[in-house]
Amino acid sequence: MDEQPLLEFMNEKLAEGLQREKTQEALDGWDRRVLLTLKDGRQFHFIVHDKNITIFEGPIDDVKMRIESDETTIRKLFNEEMGAAAALLKRKLKVKGSASDLMKLRHIF
């Protein structure tokens, strides 16, 4: 099975998610630079600004939130096959950031 490249997949799923009212409410007034590091060493960064999220490959400086996971878990989160809370409890997802950031994350994944 030839899987869609992760960056393309995340951007596609985010575009869909940004159409949801709950996601837009969660993003209201939230400006963040987020770093996602996968277990295989790949890094992606998210820029949350003006009720929009853009994802890029590679690291970024001055992040306010750090996420660590693996590609399988990230794909499950974006496909809504697993919630962020379940991933955290199963230790498949590690998040370093404020509690309010963590709460907003639930509406994005």
N, C-alpha and C. Protein backbone atom coordinates (compact mmCIF):
# COMPACT_ATOMS: atom_id res chain seq x y z
N MET A 1 0.84 -1.18 0.00
CA MET A 1 0.00 0.00 0.00
C MET A 1 0.89 1.25 0.00
N ASP A 2 0.67 2.11 -0.95
CA ASP A 2 1.47 3.31 -1.08
C ASP A 2 0.78 4.44 -0.33
N GLU A 3 1.31 4.80 0.84
CA GLU A 3 0.69 5.84 1.65
C GLU A 3 1.06 7.22 1.14
N GLN A 4 0.13 8.13 1.30
CA GLN A 4 0.35 9.52 0.96
C GLN A 4 1.46 10.07 1.86
N PRO A 5 2.39 10.87 1.34
CA PRO A 5 3.44 11.46 2.19
C PRO A 5 2.82 12.19 3.38
N LEU A 6 3.47 12.09 4.54
CA LEU A 6 2.89 12.61 5.77
C LEU A 6 2.58 14.10 5.70
N LEU A 7 3.46 14.91 5.18
CA LEU A 7 3.21 16.35 5.12
C LEU A 7 1.97 16.65 4.29
N GLU A 8 1.85 16.02 3.14
CA GLU A 8 0.69 16.20 2.27
C GLU A 8 -0.58 15.74 2.98
N PHE A 9 -0.50 14.60 3.65
CA PHE A 9 -1.63 14.04 4.39
C PHE A 9 -2.10 15.01 5.49
N MET A 10 -1.15 15.51 6.31
CA MET A 10 -1.51 16.42 7.41
C MET A 10 -2.14 17.70 6.86
N ASN A 11 -1.57 18.25 5.80
CA ASN A 11 -2.14 19.48 5.22
C ASN A 11 -3.55 19.26 4.71
N GLU A 12 -3.79 18.11 4.07
CA GLU A 12 -5.12 17.80 3.56
C GLU A 12 -6.13 17.67 4.69
N LYS A 13 -5.75 16.94 5.74
CA LYS A 13 -6.66 16.73 6.88
C LYS A 13 -6.89 18.04 7.65
N LEU A 14 -5.86 18.87 7.75
CA LEU A 14 -6.03 20.16 8.42
C LEU A 14 -7.00 21.04 7.65
N ALA A 15 -6.89 21.05 6.34
CA ALA A 15 -7.81 21.85 5.51
C ALA A 15 -9.25 21.43 5.77
N GLU A 16 -9.48 20.13 5.91
CA GLU A 16 -10.82 19.63 6.23
C GLU A 16 -11.23 20.08 7.63
N GLY A 17 -10.32 19.91 8.59
CA GLY A 17 -10.61 20.25 9.98
C GLY A 17 -10.87 21.73 10.20
N LEU A 18 -10.21 22.58 9.43
CA LEU A 18 -10.39 24.02 9.58
C LEU A 18 -11.78 24.47 9.17
N GLN A 19 -12.53 23.60 8.51
CA GLN A 19 -13.91 23.92 8.13
C GLN A 19 -14.87 23.75 9.30
N ARG A 20 -14.43 23.03 10.35
CA ARG A 20 -15.31 22.77 11.50
C ARG A 20 -15.39 23.98 12.42
N GLU A 21 -16.57 24.24 12.91
CA GLU A 21 -16.79 25.38 13.80
C GLU A 21 -15.99 25.23 15.10
N LYS A 22 -15.96 24.02 15.66
CA LYS A 22 -15.22 23.78 16.92
C LYS A 22 -13.74 24.10 16.74
N THR A 23 -13.19 23.73 15.60
CA THR A 23 -11.78 24.01 15.33
C THR A 23 -11.55 25.51 15.24
N GLN A 24 -12.43 26.20 14.52
CA GLN A 24 -12.31 27.66 14.39
C GLN A 24 -12.42 28.35 15.75
N GLU A 25 -13.32 27.86 16.61
CA GLU A 25 -13.46 28.43 17.95
C GLU A 25 -12.18 28.21 18.75
N ALA A 26 -11.59 27.02 18.64
CA ALA A 26 -10.36 26.71 19.38
C ALA A 26 -9.19 27.58 18.91
N LEU A 27 -9.19 27.92 17.64
CA LEU A 27 -8.08 28.70 17.08
C LEU A 27 -8.23 30.21 17.29
N ASP A 28 -9.40 30.65 17.69
CA ASP A 28 -9.66 32.09 17.85
C ASP A 28 -8.69 32.70 18.86
N GLY A 29 -7.87 33.62 18.38
CA GLY A 29 -6.92 34.31 19.27
C GLY A 29 -5.71 33.50 19.66
N TRP A 30 -5.52 32.35 19.06
CA TRP A 30 -4.42 31.45 19.44
C TRP A 30 -3.31 31.54 18.40
N ASP A 31 -2.18 32.10 18.79
CA ASP A 31 -1.00 32.19 17.93
C ASP A 31 0.10 31.35 18.55
N ARG A 32 0.54 30.34 17.84
CA ARG A 32 1.56 29.43 18.37
C ARG A 32 2.47 28.95 17.27
N ARG A 33 3.68 28.60 17.68
CA ARG A 33 4.63 27.90 16.83
C ARG A 33 4.84 26.56 17.52
N VAL A 34 4.52 25.49 16.82
CA VAL A 34 4.52 24.14 17.40
C VAL A 34 5.50 23.27 16.63
N LEU A 35 6.29 22.51 17.37
CA LEU A 35 7.24 21.59 16.75
C LEU A 35 6.79 20.16 17.00
N LEU A 36 6.66 19.40 15.92
CA LEU A 36 6.32 17.97 15.99
C LEU A 36 7.58 17.18 15.64
N THR A 37 8.01 16.34 16.57
CA THR A 37 9.15 15.48 16.33
C THR A 37 8.68 14.03 16.34
N LEU A 38 8.96 13.32 15.27
CA LEU A 38 8.58 11.91 15.18
C LEU A 38 9.71 11.04 15.73
N LYS A 39 9.35 9.84 16.15
CA LYS A 39 10.34 8.91 16.71
C LYS A 39 11.47 8.59 15.73
N ASP A 40 11.18 8.68 14.42
CA ASP A 40 12.22 8.40 13.43
C ASP A 40 13.14 9.61 13.18
N GLY A 41 12.91 10.70 13.92
CA GLY A 41 13.78 11.87 13.83
C GLY A 41 13.27 12.98 12.92
N ARG A 42 12.27 12.69 12.09
CA ARG A 42 11.73 13.74 11.22
C ARG A 42 11.03 14.80 12.07
N GLN A 43 11.10 16.04 11.60
CA GLN A 43 10.44 17.13 12.29
C GLN A 43 9.57 17.92 11.33
N PHE A 44 8.46 18.40 11.88
CA PHE A 44 7.53 19.26 11.17
C PHE A 44 7.18 20.39 12.11
N HIS A 45 6.86 21.54 11.57
CA HIS A 45 6.40 22.62 12.45
C HIS A 45 5.09 23.20 11.94
N PHE A 46 4.30 23.58 12.92
CA PHE A 46 2.97 24.14 12.69
C PHE A 46 3.02 25.60 13.09
N ILE A 47 2.46 26.45 12.27
CA ILE A 47 2.30 27.85 12.65
C ILE A 47 0.80 28.10 12.73
N VAL A 48 0.36 28.44 13.94
CA VAL A 48 -1.05 28.72 14.18
C VAL A 48 -1.17 30.24 14.28
N HIS A 49 -1.91 30.84 13.35
CA HIS A 49 -2.04 32.29 13.33
C HIS A 49 -3.31 32.67 12.58
N ASP A 50 -4.04 33.61 13.13
CA ASP A 50 -5.21 34.18 12.47
C ASP A 50 -6.22 33.09 12.04
N LYS A 51 -6.53 32.19 12.99
CA LYS A 51 -7.49 31.10 12.77
C LYS A 51 -7.10 30.18 11.62
N ASN A 52 -5.81 30.02 11.41
CA ASN A 52 -5.32 29.14 10.36
C ASN A 52 -4.11 28.38 10.90
N ILE A 53 -3.86 27.21 10.31
CA ILE A 53 -2.68 26.41 10.68
C ILE A 53 -1.97 26.04 9.38
N THR A 54 -0.67 26.29 9.36
CA THR A 54 0.13 25.85 8.23
C THR A 54 1.21 24.92 8.77
N ILE A 55 1.53 23.90 8.00
CA ILE A 55 2.52 22.90 8.41
C ILE A 55 3.65 22.90 7.40
N PHE A 56 4.86 22.83 7.94
CA PHE A 56 6.06 22.79 7.11
C PHE A 56 6.96 21.67 7.59
N GLU A 57 7.79 21.18 6.70
CA GLU A 57 8.77 20.17 7.07
C GLU A 57 9.95 20.88 7.70
N GLY A 58 10.56 20.23 8.69
CA GLY A 58 11.76 20.77 9.31
C GLY A 58 11.49 21.45 10.64
N PRO A 59 12.56 21.79 11.36
CA PRO A 59 12.44 22.42 12.68
C PRO A 59 12.13 23.92 12.57
N ILE A 60 11.84 24.52 13.71
CA ILE A 60 11.58 25.95 13.82
C ILE A 60 12.04 26.40 15.20
N ASP A 61 12.48 27.64 15.31
CA ASP A 61 12.91 28.19 16.59
C ASP A 61 11.74 28.83 17.32
N ASP A 62 11.97 29.10 18.60
CA ASP A 62 11.02 29.85 19.43
C ASP A 62 9.64 29.20 19.46
N VAL A 63 9.61 27.90 19.75
CA VAL A 63 8.32 27.20 19.81
C VAL A 63 7.71 27.34 21.20
N LYS A 64 6.38 27.33 21.24
CA LYS A 64 5.64 27.42 22.51
C LYS A 64 5.07 26.06 22.90
N MET A 65 5.10 25.12 21.96
CA MET A 65 4.55 23.80 22.22
C MET A 65 5.37 22.77 21.46
N ARG A 66 5.67 21.67 22.12
CA ARG A 66 6.42 20.58 21.48
C ARG A 66 5.58 19.31 21.56
N ILE A 67 5.52 18.61 20.44
CA ILE A 67 4.77 17.36 20.37
C ILE A 67 5.73 16.27 19.90
N GLU A 68 5.69 15.13 20.59
CA GLU A 68 6.48 13.98 20.18
C GLU A 68 5.54 12.81 19.97
N SER A 69 5.74 12.08 18.88
CA SER A 69 4.89 10.94 18.59
C SER A 69 5.55 10.11 17.48
N ASP A 70 4.76 9.22 16.89
CA ASP A 70 5.23 8.43 15.76
C ASP A 70 4.25 8.66 14.61
N GLU A 71 4.67 8.30 13.42
CA GLU A 71 3.85 8.58 12.24
C GLU A 71 2.49 7.88 12.30
N THR A 72 2.46 6.64 12.77
CA THR A 72 1.20 5.90 12.84
C THR A 72 0.19 6.62 13.73
N THR A 73 0.64 7.08 14.90
CA THR A 73 -0.25 7.79 15.82
C THR A 73 -0.72 9.10 15.22
N ILE A 74 0.18 9.84 14.60
CA ILE A 74 -0.19 11.12 13.98
C ILE A 74 -1.25 10.89 12.90
N ARG A 75 -1.07 9.85 12.09
CA ARG A 75 -2.07 9.55 11.06
C ARG A 75 -3.42 9.19 11.70
N LYS A 76 -3.40 8.42 12.79
CA LYS A 76 -4.64 8.07 13.48
C LYS A 76 -5.33 9.31 14.05
N LEU A 77 -4.54 10.23 14.61
CA LEU A 77 -5.11 11.46 15.16
C LEU A 77 -5.77 12.29 14.06
N PHE A 78 -5.07 12.46 12.95
CA PHE A 78 -5.62 13.26 11.86
C PHE A 78 -6.81 12.59 11.19
N ASN A 79 -6.86 11.25 11.22
CA ASN A 79 -8.00 10.52 10.65
C ASN A 79 -9.14 10.38 11.64
N GLU A 80 -8.95 10.90 12.85
CA GLU A 80 -9.93 10.81 13.94
C GLU A 80 -10.22 9.37 14.32
N GLU A 81 -9.21 8.50 14.18
CA GLU A 81 -9.32 7.11 14.62
C GLU A 81 -8.88 6.99 16.07
N MET A 82 -8.25 8.03 16.60
CA MET A 82 -7.79 8.08 17.98
C MET A 82 -7.85 9.53 18.42
N GLY A 83 -8.28 9.76 19.65
CA GLY A 83 -8.32 11.11 20.18
C GLY A 83 -7.00 11.46 20.86
N ALA A 84 -6.75 12.75 21.02
CA ALA A 84 -5.51 13.20 21.66
C ALA A 84 -5.42 12.68 23.10
N ALA A 85 -6.54 12.67 23.81
CA ALA A 85 -6.53 12.21 25.21
C ALA A 85 -6.12 10.74 25.29
N ALA A 86 -6.68 9.91 24.42
CA ALA A 86 -6.33 8.48 24.40
C ALA A 86 -4.86 8.29 24.04
N ALA A 87 -4.37 9.06 23.08
CA ALA A 87 -2.97 8.96 22.67
C ALA A 87 -2.05 9.36 23.82
N LEU A 88 -2.44 10.38 24.56
CA LEU A 88 -1.64 10.81 25.72
C LEU A 88 -1.62 9.72 26.79
N LEU A 89 -2.79 9.16 27.07
CA LEU A 89 -2.89 8.11 28.10
C LEU A 89 -2.08 6.87 27.73
N LYS A 90 -2.05 6.55 26.45
CA LYS A 90 -1.31 5.37 25.98
C LYS A 90 0.17 5.67 25.76
N ARG A 91 0.56 6.90 26.07
CA ARG A 91 1.94 7.35 25.90
C ARG A 91 2.41 7.29 24.44
N LYS A 92 1.47 7.44 23.53
CA LYS A 92 1.77 7.48 22.10
C LYS A 92 1.99 8.92 21.65
N LEU A 93 1.66 9.86 22.54
CA LEU A 93 1.75 11.28 22.25
C LEU A 93 2.27 11.98 23.49
N LYS A 94 3.32 12.78 23.31
CA LYS A 94 3.85 13.58 24.41
C LYS A 94 3.74 15.03 23.98
N VAL A 95 3.21 15.85 24.88
CA VAL A 95 3.03 17.27 24.57
C VAL A 95 3.64 18.10 25.69
N LYS A 96 4.47 19.05 25.30
CA LYS A 96 5.03 20.00 26.26
C LYS A 96 4.51 21.37 25.88
N GLY A 97 3.73 21.93 26.77
CA GLY A 97 3.13 23.25 26.53
C GLY A 97 2.19 23.55 27.67
N SER A 98 1.48 24.64 27.58
CA SER A 98 0.56 25.02 28.65
C SER A 98 -0.69 24.14 28.64
N ALA A 99 -1.38 24.11 29.76
CA ALA A 99 -2.63 23.33 29.86
C ALA A 99 -3.68 23.86 28.88
N SER A 100 -3.74 25.17 28.71
CA SER A 100 -4.74 25.72 27.78
C SER A 100 -4.41 25.32 26.35
N ASP A 101 -3.11 25.25 26.01
CA ASP A 101 -2.72 24.79 24.68
C ASP A 101 -3.17 23.35 24.47
N LEU A 102 -2.99 22.55 25.49
CA LEU A 102 -3.37 21.13 25.42
C LEU A 102 -4.87 20.98 25.20
N MET A 103 -5.65 21.82 25.85
CA MET A 103 -7.10 21.76 25.68
C MET A 103 -7.50 22.14 24.25
N LYS A 104 -6.82 23.10 23.68
CA LYS A 104 -7.13 23.51 22.31
C LYS A 104 -6.78 22.42 21.32
N LEU A 105 -5.73 21.67 21.64
CA LEU A 105 -5.27 20.60 20.77
C LEU A 105 -6.37 19.56 20.53
N ARG A 106 -7.22 19.34 21.53
CA ARG A 106 -8.31 18.36 21.40
C ARG A 106 -9.23 18.68 20.23
N HIS A 107 -9.41 19.98 19.95
CA HIS A 107 -10.33 20.37 18.87
C HIS A 107 -9.65 20.40 17.51
N ILE A 108 -8.35 20.25 17.51
CA ILE A 108 -7.63 20.27 16.24
C ILE A 108 -7.42 18.85 15.77
N PHE A 109 -7.12 17.95 16.70
CA PHE A 109 -6.95 16.52 16.35
C PHE A 109 -8.25 15.81 16.67
